[in-house]
C-alpha atoms as a PDB file:
ATOM      1  CA  MET A   1      -0.844  18.931   0.935  1.00  0.00           C
ATOM      2  CA  ASN A   2      -3.151  16.953   3.285  1.00  0.00           C
ATOM      3  CA  VAL A   3      -1.717  13.147   3.645  1.00  0.00           C
ATOM      4  CA  LEU A   4      -3.154  10.388   5.491  1.00  0.00           C
ATOM      5  CA  VAL A   5      -0.673   7.774   6.548  1.00  0.00           C
ATOM      6  CA  THR A   6      -1.903   4.176   7.499  1.00  0.00           C
ATOM      7  CA  GLY A   7       0.233   2.089   9.709  1.00  0.00           C
ATOM      8  CA  SER A   8       1.847   5.449  10.989  1.00  0.00           C
ATOM      9  CA  SER A   9       3.036   3.661  14.183  1.00  0.00           C
ATOM     10  CA  GLY A  10       4.821   1.077  12.320  1.00  0.00           C
ATOM     11  CA  GLY A  11       8.750   0.646  11.375  1.00  0.00           C
ATOM     12  CA  ILE A  12       8.503   2.662   8.094  1.00  0.00           C
ATOM     13  CA  GLY A  13       5.246   4.808   8.989  1.00  0.00           C
ATOM     14  CA  ARG A  14       7.323   6.665  11.627  1.00  0.00           C
ATOM     15  CA  TYR A  15       9.864   7.676   9.019  1.00  0.00           C
ATOM     16  CA  VAL A  16       6.980   8.224   6.540  1.00  0.00           C
ATOM     17  CA  VAL A  17       5.306  10.724   8.977  1.00  0.00           C
ATOM     18  CA  ASP A  18       8.367  12.499   9.801  1.00  0.00           C
ATOM     19  CA  ASP A  19       9.419  13.223   6.432  1.00  0.00           C
ATOM     20  CA  LEU A  20       6.202  14.544   5.214  1.00  0.00           C
ATOM     21  CA  VAL A  21       5.930  16.890   8.031  1.00  0.00           C
ATOM     22  CA  LYS A  22       9.724  18.260   7.634  1.00  0.00           C
ATOM     23  CA  ALA A  23       8.600  18.775   3.789  1.00  0.00           C
ATOM     24  CA  GLY A  24       5.827  20.885   5.018  1.00  0.00           C
ATOM     25  CA  HIS A  25       2.902  18.604   4.477  1.00  0.00           C
ATOM     26  CA  THR A  26       0.067  18.308   6.907  1.00  0.00           C
ATOM     27  CA  VAL A  27      -0.239  14.634   8.247  1.00  0.00           C
ATOM     28  CA  LEU A  28      -2.658  12.701   9.787  1.00  0.00           C
ATOM     29  CA  GLY A  29      -1.384   9.186  10.913  1.00  0.00           C
ATOM     30  CA  VAL A  30      -3.686   6.399  11.544  1.00  0.00           C
ATOM     31  CA  ASP A  31      -2.968   3.096  13.107  1.00  0.00           C
ATOM     32  CA  VAL A  32      -4.656   0.335  15.411  1.00  0.00           C
ATOM     33  CA  GLN A  33      -1.745   0.851  17.906  1.00  0.00           C
ATOM     34  CA  THR A  34      -0.732   4.311  19.236  1.00  0.00           C
ATOM     35  CA  PRO A  35       2.578   5.525  18.607  1.00  0.00           C
ATOM     36  CA  GLY A  36       3.519   5.307  22.126  1.00  0.00           C
ATOM     37  CA  ASP A  37       5.827   8.391  22.069  1.00  0.00           C
ATOM     38  CA  SER A  38       5.695  11.849  20.548  1.00  0.00           C
ATOM     39  CA  GLN A  39       5.611  11.952  16.955  1.00  0.00           C
ATOM     40  CA  PRO A  40       5.272  14.818  14.379  1.00  0.00           C
ATOM     41  CA  GLY A  41       1.616  15.400  12.746  1.00  0.00           C
ATOM     42  CA  HIS A  42      -1.514  14.270  14.211  1.00  0.00           C
ATOM     43  CA  PHE A  43      -2.686  10.683  15.035  1.00  0.00           C
ATOM     44  CA  LEU A  44      -6.013   8.869  14.946  1.00  0.00           C
ATOM     45  CA  GLN A  45      -6.370   5.320  16.185  1.00  0.00           C
ATOM     46  CA  VAL A  46      -8.080   3.503  13.346  1.00  0.00           C
ATOM     47  CA  ASP A  47      -8.938  -0.326  12.537  1.00  0.00           C
ATOM     48  CA  LEU A  48      -8.881  -0.407   8.355  1.00  0.00           C
ATOM     49  CA  THR A  49     -10.979  -3.364   8.543  1.00  0.00           C
ATOM     50  CA  ASP A  50     -13.848  -1.202   9.648  1.00  0.00           C
ATOM     51  CA  ALA A  51     -14.923   0.652   6.651  1.00  0.00           C
ATOM     52  CA  GLY A  52     -16.657   3.429   8.524  1.00  0.00           C
ATOM     53  CA  GLU A  53     -13.559   4.264  10.494  1.00  0.00           C
ATOM     54  CA  VAL A  54     -11.552   4.497   7.346  1.00  0.00           C
ATOM     55  CA  TYR A  55     -14.309   7.054   5.773  1.00  0.00           C
ATOM     56  CA  ASN A  56     -14.156   8.970   8.960  1.00  0.00           C
ATOM     57  CA  ALA A  57     -10.319   9.137   8.702  1.00  0.00           C
ATOM     58  CA  LEU A  58     -10.077  10.288   5.322  1.00  0.00           C
ATOM     59  CA  ALA A  59     -12.547  12.972   5.933  1.00  0.00           C
ATOM     60  CA  ARG A  60     -10.950  14.252   9.149  1.00  0.00           C
ATOM     61  CA  ALA A  61      -7.676  14.643   7.439  1.00  0.00           C
ATOM     62  CA  GLU A  62      -9.239  16.425   4.325  1.00  0.00           C
ATOM     63  CA  ALA A  63      -6.714  14.093   2.370  1.00  0.00           C
ATOM     64  CA  ASP A  64      -5.368  15.030  -0.974  1.00  0.00           C
ATOM     65  CA  ALA A  65      -3.261  11.911  -0.980  1.00  0.00           C
ATOM     66  CA  VAL A  66      -2.750   8.627   1.026  1.00  0.00           C
ATOM     67  CA  VAL A  67       0.230   6.541   1.755  1.00  0.00           C
ATOM     68  CA  HIS A  68      -1.077   3.141   2.904  1.00  0.00           C
ATOM     69  CA  LEU A  69       1.371   1.036   5.057  1.00  0.00           C
ATOM     70  CA  GLY A  70      -1.197  -0.303   7.473  1.00  0.00           C
ATOM     71  CA  ALA A  71      -1.118  -4.317   7.437  1.00  0.00           C
ATOM     72  CA  TRP A  72       0.196  -7.371   9.220  1.00  0.00           C
ATOM     73  CA  ALA A  73       3.671  -6.706   8.331  1.00  0.00           C
ATOM     74  CA  ASP A  74       4.634 -10.339   7.748  1.00  0.00           C
ATOM     75  CA  ALA A  75       3.365 -13.838   8.146  1.00  0.00           C
ATOM     76  CA  GLY A  76       3.092 -15.505  11.474  1.00  0.00           C
ATOM     77  CA  LYS A  77       2.295 -12.543  13.668  1.00  0.00           C
ATOM     78  CA  VAL A  78      -1.247 -13.663  13.610  1.00  0.00           C
ATOM     79  CA  PRO A  79      -2.851 -16.683  12.156  1.00  0.00           C
ATOM     80  CA  ASP A  80      -2.814 -16.960   8.405  1.00  0.00           C
ATOM     81  CA  PRO A  81      -6.596 -16.445   7.729  1.00  0.00           C
ATOM     82  CA  ARG A  82      -6.124 -13.211   9.737  1.00  0.00           C
ATOM     83  CA  THR A  83      -3.218 -11.957   7.999  1.00  0.00           C
ATOM     84  CA  TYR A  84      -4.591 -12.507   4.581  1.00  0.00           C
ATOM     85  CA  GLY A  85      -8.134 -11.413   5.457  1.00  0.00           C
ATOM     86  CA  ASP A  86      -7.321  -8.100   7.478  1.00  0.00           C
ATOM     87  CA  ASN A  87      -4.660  -7.147   4.943  1.00  0.00           C
ATOM     88  CA  VAL A  88      -6.815  -7.434   1.867  1.00  0.00           C
ATOM     89  CA  ARG A  89     -10.044  -6.040   3.703  1.00  0.00           C
ATOM     90  CA  GLY A  90      -8.293  -2.968   4.865  1.00  0.00           C
ATOM     91  CA  THR A  91      -6.711  -2.216   1.559  1.00  0.00           C
ATOM     92  CA  PHE A  92     -10.102  -2.631  -0.155  1.00  0.00           C
ATOM     93  CA  ASN A  93     -11.512  -0.256   2.331  1.00  0.00           C
ATOM     94  CA  LEU A  94      -9.158   2.329   1.879  1.00  0.00           C
ATOM     95  CA  PHE A  95      -9.251   2.201  -1.784  1.00  0.00           C
ATOM     96  CA  GLN A  96     -12.878   2.173  -2.106  1.00  0.00           C
ATOM     97  CA  ALA A  97     -13.076   5.018   0.491  1.00  0.00           C
ATOM     98  CA  CYS A  98     -10.633   7.146  -1.597  1.00  0.00           C
ATOM     99  CA  ALA A  99     -12.577   6.388  -4.641  1.00  0.00           C
ATOM    100  CA  ASP A 100     -15.931   7.714  -3.138  1.00  0.00           C
ATOM    101  CA  LEU A 101     -14.173  10.763  -1.637  1.00  0.00           C
ATOM    102  CA  GLY A 102     -12.469  11.941  -4.726  1.00  0.00           C
ATOM    103  CA  ILE A 103      -8.886  11.171  -3.509  1.00  0.00           C
ATOM    104  CA  LYS A 104      -6.873  10.301  -6.415  1.00  0.00           C
ATOM    105  CA  ARG A 105      -3.103   9.727  -5.312  1.00  0.00           C
ATOM    106  CA  ILE A 106      -2.082   6.820  -3.175  1.00  0.00           C
ATOM    107  CA  VAL A 107       0.873   5.177  -2.457  1.00  0.00           C
ATOM    108  CA  SER A 108       0.241   1.780  -1.294  1.00  0.00           C
ATOM    109  CA  ALA A 109       2.950  -0.662   0.359  1.00  0.00           C
ATOM    110  CA  SER A 110       3.345  -4.147  -1.406  1.00  0.00           C
ATOM    111  CA  SER A 111       6.325  -6.114  -0.691  1.00  0.00           C
ATOM    112  CA  ALA A 112       8.900  -7.964  -2.700  1.00  0.00           C
ATOM    113  CA  GLN A 113       7.987 -11.058  -1.045  1.00  0.00           C
ATOM    114  CA  VAL A 114       5.814 -11.667  -3.830  1.00  0.00           C
ATOM    115  CA  TYR A 115       8.857 -12.817  -5.741  1.00  0.00           C
ATOM    116  CA  GLY A 116       9.218 -15.690  -3.441  1.00  0.00           C
ATOM    117  CA  PHE A 117      12.909 -15.762  -3.000  1.00  0.00           C
ATOM    118  CA  ALA A 118      12.477 -17.130   0.274  1.00  0.00           C
ATOM    119  CA  GLY A 119      11.478 -20.317  -1.492  1.00  0.00           C
ATOM    120  CA  ALA A 120      13.618 -20.349  -4.565  1.00  0.00           C
ATOM    121  CA  PRO A 121      16.318 -18.056  -6.292  1.00  0.00           C
ATOM    122  CA  PRO A 122      15.367 -15.417  -8.894  1.00  0.00           C
ATOM    123  CA  VAL A 123      14.312 -16.732 -11.962  1.00  0.00           C
ATOM    124  CA  TYR A 124      16.493 -13.929 -13.540  1.00  0.00           C
ATOM    125  CA  ALA A 125      18.523 -10.764 -12.563  1.00  0.00           C
ATOM    126  CA  PRO A 126      18.386  -7.925 -12.301  1.00  0.00           C
ATOM    127  CA  VAL A 127      14.994  -8.336 -11.195  1.00  0.00           C
ATOM    128  CA  ASP A 128      12.451  -6.295 -12.841  1.00  0.00           C
ATOM    129  CA  GLU A 129       8.847  -5.772 -11.949  1.00  0.00           C
ATOM    130  CA  ASP A 130       7.713  -8.382 -14.557  1.00  0.00           C
ATOM    131  CA  HIS A 131       9.464 -11.112 -12.757  1.00  0.00           C
ATOM    132  CA  PRO A 132       7.138 -14.027 -11.942  1.00  0.00           C
ATOM    133  CA  LEU A 133       5.205 -13.757  -8.740  1.00  0.00           C
ATOM    134  CA  ARG A 134       5.738 -16.928  -6.243  1.00  0.00           C
ATOM    135  CA  PRO A 135       4.297 -16.085  -2.989  1.00  0.00           C
ATOM    136  CA  VAL A 136       5.381 -18.659  -0.181  1.00  0.00           C
ATOM    137  CA  ASN A 137       2.927 -17.352   2.824  1.00  0.00           C
ATOM    138  CA  SER A 138      -0.282 -15.366   3.523  1.00  0.00           C
ATOM    139  CA  TYR A 139       1.445 -12.322   3.772  1.00  0.00           C
ATOM    140  CA  ALA A 140       2.891 -12.091   0.305  1.00  0.00           C
ATOM    141  CA  LEU A 141      -0.419 -13.566  -1.107  1.00  0.00           C
ATOM    142  CA  SER A 142      -2.374 -10.686   0.559  1.00  0.00           C
ATOM    143  CA  LYS A 143       0.121  -8.406  -1.152  1.00  0.00           C
ATOM    144  CA  ILE A 144      -0.626  -9.505  -4.410  1.00  0.00           C
ATOM    145  CA  ALA A 145      -4.309  -9.454  -4.053  1.00  0.00           C
ATOM    146  CA  GLY A 146      -3.744  -5.570  -2.940  1.00  0.00           C
ATOM    147  CA  GLU A 147      -1.734  -5.028  -6.117  1.00  0.00           C
ATOM    148  CA  GLN A 148      -4.567  -6.665  -7.877  1.00  0.00           C
ATOM    149  CA  ALA A 149      -7.168  -4.279  -6.113  1.00  0.00           C
ATOM    150  CA  ALA A 150      -5.164  -1.222  -6.928  1.00  0.00           C
ATOM    151  CA  ASP A 151      -5.521  -2.343 -10.978  1.00  0.00           C
ATOM    152  CA  TYR A 152      -9.033  -2.532 -10.440  1.00  0.00           C
ATOM    153  CA  PHE A 153      -9.499   0.798  -8.750  1.00  0.00           C
ATOM    154  CA  VAL A 154      -7.206   2.526 -11.319  1.00  0.00           C
ATOM    155  CA  HIS A 155      -9.153   1.038 -14.283  1.00  0.00           C
ATOM    156  CA  ASN A 156     -12.635   1.600 -12.971  1.00  0.00           C
ATOM    157  CA  PHE A 157     -12.242   4.604 -10.746  1.00  0.00           C
ATOM    158  CA  GLY A 158      -9.503   6.726 -12.110  1.00  0.00           C
ATOM    159  CA  LEU A 159      -7.131   6.566  -9.124  1.00  0.00           C
ATOM    160  CA  THR A 160      -3.405   6.711  -9.211  1.00  0.00           C
ATOM    161  CA  ILE A 161      -2.068   3.933  -7.202  1.00  0.00           C
ATOM    162  CA  LEU A 162       1.640   3.035  -6.876  1.00  0.00           C
ATOM    163  CA  SER A 163       2.215  -0.123  -5.351  1.00  0.00           C
ATOM    164  CA  PHE A 164       5.772  -0.245  -3.831  1.00  0.00           C
ATOM    165  CA  ARG A 165       7.292  -3.711  -3.581  1.00  0.00           C
ATOM    166  CA  PHE A 166       9.504  -2.693  -0.679  1.00  0.00           C
ATOM    167  CA  MET A 167      12.531  -5.144  -0.060  1.00  0.00           C
ATOM    168  CA  GLY A 168      14.565  -5.362   3.234  1.00  0.00           C
ATOM    169  CA  VAL A 169      13.272  -1.745   4.729  1.00  0.00           C
ATOM    170  CA  ARG A 170      14.645  -1.504   8.176  1.00  0.00           C
ATOM    171  CA  PRO A 171      14.497   1.232  10.929  1.00  0.00           C
ATOM    172  CA  VAL A 172      17.758   2.850  11.370  1.00  0.00           C
ATOM    173  CA  PRO A 173      18.718   1.224  14.635  1.00  0.00           C
ATOM    174  CA  ARG A 174      18.317  -2.319  13.080  1.00  0.00           C
ATOM    175  CA  LEU A 175      20.658  -1.877  10.197  1.00  0.00           C
ATOM    176  CA  ALA A 176      24.112  -2.025  11.415  1.00  0.00           C
ATOM    177  CA  PRO A 177      23.018  -5.237  13.650  1.00  0.00           C
ATOM    178  CA  GLU A 178      22.008  -6.833  10.494  1.00  0.00           C
ATOM    179  CA  VAL A 179      24.873  -5.806   8.360  1.00  0.00           C
ATOM    180  CA  GLU A 180      27.159  -7.411  11.052  1.00  0.00           C
ATOM    181  CA  GLN A 181      24.884 -10.692  10.790  1.00  0.00           C
ATOM    182  CA  MET A 182      24.955 -10.881   7.273  1.00  0.00           C
ATOM    183  CA  THR A 183      28.982 -10.368   7.224  1.00  0.00           C
ATOM    184  CA  ARG A 184      29.102 -13.453   9.535  1.00  0.00           C
ATOM    185  CA  ASP A 185      26.669 -15.800   7.485  1.00  0.00           C
ATOM    186  CA  PRO A 186      26.307 -14.559   4.014  1.00  0.00           C
ATOM    187  CA  ALA A 187      23.616 -17.184   3.162  1.00  0.00           C
ATOM    188  CA  TRP A 188      21.362 -15.444   5.609  1.00  0.00           C
ATOM    189  CA  GLY A 189      20.870 -12.653   3.071  1.00  0.00           C
ATOM    190  CA  ASN A 190      19.850 -14.631   0.047  1.00  0.00           C
ATOM    191  CA  TRP A 191      16.145 -14.293   0.264  1.00  0.00           C
ATOM    192  CA  LEU A 192      16.613 -10.487   0.319  1.00  0.00           C
ATOM    193  CA  LEU A 193      19.528 -10.457  -2.140  1.00  0.00           C
ATOM    194  CA  TRP A 194      21.938  -9.262   0.483  1.00  0.00           C
ATOM    195  CA  THR A 195      20.058  -5.784   0.431  1.00  0.00           C
ATOM    196  CA  ARG A 196      18.981  -3.704   3.054  1.00  0.00           C
ATOM    197  CA  THR A 197      17.153  -0.390   2.802  1.00  0.00           C
ATOM    198  CA  ASP A 198      17.134   2.450   5.200  1.00  0.00           C
ATOM    199  CA  ALA A 199      13.537   3.541   6.295  1.00  0.00           C
ATOM    200  CA  ARG A 200      14.649   7.061   5.615  1.00  0.00           C
ATOM    201  CA  ASP A 201      15.076   6.222   1.887  1.00  0.00           C
ATOM    202  CA  ALA A 202      11.796   4.347   1.907  1.00  0.00           C
ATOM    203  CA  ALA A 203      10.056   7.554   3.237  1.00  0.00           C
ATOM    204  CA  LYS A 204      11.438   9.770   0.887  1.00  0.00           C
ATOM    205  CA  ALA A 205      10.377   7.491  -2.021  1.00  0.00           C
ATOM    206  CA  CYS A 206       6.723   7.704  -0.757  1.00  0.00           C
ATOM    207  CA  ARG A 207       6.947  11.410  -0.600  1.00  0.00           C
ATOM    208  CA  GLN A 208       8.533  11.760  -4.092  1.00  0.00           C
ATOM    209  CA  ALA A 209       5.651   9.615  -5.336  1.00  0.00           C
ATOM    210  CA  ILE A 210       2.712  11.829  -4.106  1.00  0.00           C
ATOM    211  CA  GLU A 211       4.536  15.033  -4.699  1.00  0.00           C
ATOM    212  CA  VAL A 212       5.436  14.393  -8.405  1.00  0.00           C
ATOM    213  CA  ALA A 213       2.979  16.065 -10.902  1.00  0.00           C
ATOM    214  CA  GLN A 214       2.271  13.160 -13.204  1.00  0.00           C
ATOM    215  CA  VAL A 215       3.150   9.350 -12.737  1.00  0.00           C
ATOM    216  CA  GLU A 216       1.826   6.106 -13.914  1.00  0.00           C
ATOM    217  CA  SER A 217       0.240   3.762 -11.799  1.00  0.00           C
ATOM    218  CA  GLY A 218       1.430   0.307 -11.344  1.00  0.00           C
ATOM    219  CA  VAL A 219       4.078  -1.752  -9.322  1.00  0.00           C
ATOM    220  CA  TYR A 220       7.550  -0.337  -8.215  1.00  0.00           C
ATOM    221  CA  ASN A 221      10.571  -2.081  -6.801  1.00  0.00           C
ATOM    222  CA  LEU A 222      12.112  -0.247  -3.816  1.00  0.00           C
ATOM    223  CA  THR A 223      15.014  -1.313  -2.206  1.00  0.00           C
ATOM    224  CA  GLY A 224      18.874  -0.006  -1.114  1.00  0.00           C
ATOM    225  CA  ALA A 225      21.352   0.960  -3.794  1.00  0.00           C
ATOM    226  CA  GLU A 226      23.800  -1.784  -2.867  1.00  0.00           C
ATOM    227  CA  VAL A 227      24.357  -5.425  -1.541  1.00  0.00           C
ATOM    228  CA  VAL A 228      25.716  -5.357   2.237  1.00  0.00           C
ATOM    229  CA  LEU A 229      28.420  -7.642   1.367  1.00  0.00           C
ATOM    230  CA  ASN A 230      31.925  -7.036   0.086  1.00  0.00           C
ATOM    231  CA  GLU A 231      31.467  -8.997  -2.895  1.00  0.00           C
ATOM    232  CA  GLU A 232      30.081  -7.822  -6.193  1.00  0.00           C
ATOM    233  CA  SER A 233      26.319  -8.770  -7.157  1.00  0.00           C
ATOM    234  CA  GLU A 234      27.116 -11.088  -9.855  1.00  0.00           C
ATOM    235  CA  ALA A 235      29.383 -12.943  -8.075  1.00  0.00           C
ATOM    236  CA  LEU A 236      26.972 -13.450  -5.212  1.00  0.00           C
ATOM    237  CA  ILE A 237      24.568 -14.545  -7.709  1.00  0.00           C
ATOM    238  CA  ARG A 238      26.996 -17.228  -9.064  1.00  0.00           C
ATOM    239  CA  ARG A 239      28.222 -18.439  -5.760  1.00  0.00           C
ATOM    240  CA  PHE A 240      24.651 -18.918  -4.197  1.00  0.00           C
ATOM    241  CA  PHE A 241      22.034 -19.390  -6.872  1.00  0.00           C
ATOM    242  CA  ASP A 242      24.622 -21.070  -9.465  1.00  0.00           C
ATOM    243  CA  ASN A 243      22.999 -21.524 -12.757  1.00  0.00           C
ATOM    244  CA  LYS A 244      19.431 -21.306 -11.459  1.00  0.00           C
ATOM    245  CA  THR A 245      19.409 -17.642 -12.071  1.00  0.00           C
ATOM    246  CA  GLU A 246      19.596 -16.306 -15.502  1.00  0.00           C
ATOM    247  CA  LEU A 247      21.899 -13.154 -15.636  1.00  0.00           C
ATOM    248  CA  ARG A 248      20.004 -11.027 -18.435  1.00  0.00           C
ATOM    249  CA  SER A 249      21.974  -8.073 -18.135  1.00  0.00           C
ATOM    250  CA  PRO A 250      25.093  -6.887 -16.251  1.00  0.00           C
ATOM    251  CA  ILE A 251      24.844  -5.710 -12.971  1.00  0.00           C
ATOM    252  CA  PRO A 252      27.614  -3.236 -12.188  1.00  0.00           C
ATOM    253  CA  GLY A 253      29.595  -3.733  -9.062  1.00  0.00           C
ATOM    254  CA  TYR A 254      27.949  -3.726  -5.870  1.00  0.00           C
ATOM    255  CA  THR A 255      24.341  -2.595  -7.356  1.00  0.00           C
ATOM    256  CA  SER A 256      21.519  -4.385  -5.859  1.00  0.00           C
ATOM    257  CA  PRO A 257      20.223  -7.414  -7.861  1.00  0.00           C
ATOM    258  CA  LEU A 258      16.495  -6.013  -7.571  1.00  0.00           C
ATOM    259  CA  SER A 259      16.361  -3.291 -10.152  1.00  0.00           C
ATOM    260  CA  THR A 260      14.916   0.185  -8.806  1.00  0.00           C
ATOM    261  CA  GLU A 261      15.226   1.776 -12.418  1.00  0.00           C
ATOM    262  CA  LYS A 262      11.336   2.039 -12.996  1.00  0.00           C
ATOM    263  CA  ALA A 263      11.097   4.184  -9.717  1.00  0.00           C
ATOM    264  CA  ARG A 264      14.150   6.421 -10.765  1.00  0.00           C
ATOM    265  CA  LYS A 265      12.710   7.319 -13.978  1.00  0.00           C
ATOM    266  CA  ALA A 266       9.033   7.727 -12.760  1.00  0.00           C
ATOM    267  CA  PHE A 267       9.773  10.085  -9.577  1.00  0.00           C
ATOM    268  CA  GLY A 268      13.384  10.308  -9.000  1.00  0.00           C
ATOM    269  CA  TYR A 269      14.007   7.481  -6.459  1.00  0.00           C
ATOM    270  CA  GLN A 270      17.758   7.264  -5.616  1.00  0.00           C
ATOM    271  CA  PRO A 271      18.767   5.795  -2.253  1.00  0.00           C
ATOM    272  CA  GLU A 272      20.645   8.252  -0.088  1.00  0.00           C
ATOM    273  CA  TYR A 273      21.914   5.825   2.809  1.00  0.00           C
ATOM    274  CA  VAL A 274      24.080   2.913   2.002  1.00  0.00           C
ATOM    275  CA  TRP A 275      24.769   0.111   4.664  1.00  0.00           C
ATOM    276  CA  SER A 276      27.395  -2.187   3.846  1.00  0.00           C
ATOM    277  CA  GLN A 277      30.731  -3.827   5.074  1.00  0.00           C
ATOM    278  CA  ARG A 278      32.385  -1.288   3.069  1.00  0.00           C
ATOM    279  CA  LYS A 279      30.609   1.784   4.247  1.00  0.00           C
ATOM    280  CA  THR A 280      28.129   2.635   6.899  1.00  0.00           C
ATOM    281  CA  VAL A 281      25.784   5.714   7.475  1.00  0.00           C
END
């Protein structure tokens, strides 16, 4: 399969390109920044806010599918109008080009920041994809707009778009230090529900979602399998969120409070790498 990966020079993108190439796919990575070192697959420098460059990249790749990770990765990296404007424009340009060129399968990076845990505890847990959206910054707002754009192209152009609400995805070198920091200060982990996701698992999920024969469009939670701390998830919720978070169903042991059951059923998502006080990869 020919796959275009946007944001291929980023913290998740590098792992996605590597995973796809190892699985035998032909990959064209695109990004506004060059990788800076050797990377499997081919690379083209592209600004997603330029529609012409997006069309050219998709045509050059002869893409059968797209993994769309290209965006400002959080609020505060550039001024808010640019965070929102560039992210929304780039995503719309990509979806429109795919619709025009007949590219039907897209995995698009959204974010669990849409749930607003940095501003308030979850309304309920386990947190599924129906949880209220409460964006607290321009980045989260741009991701909601991206999900809405996906719905528009699914319903009007017949595309299949999976919007992944990634939570706590980190390149491998960052994981052990963050586990250590959260061990020292458990409250530091509240806004990501004490969970971290190995970028290798995120990459595998992207590949699974484009390889599966049939899959429903929509939003999917993606995160690590377990909480980092040596304390069970329900105990953490009670300790830090008290009665502000309703426990709607039991959370077994150390299972992450962000449910990935929908992704498991849809394309077999099952995190392989677990980072915690109890065990490390």
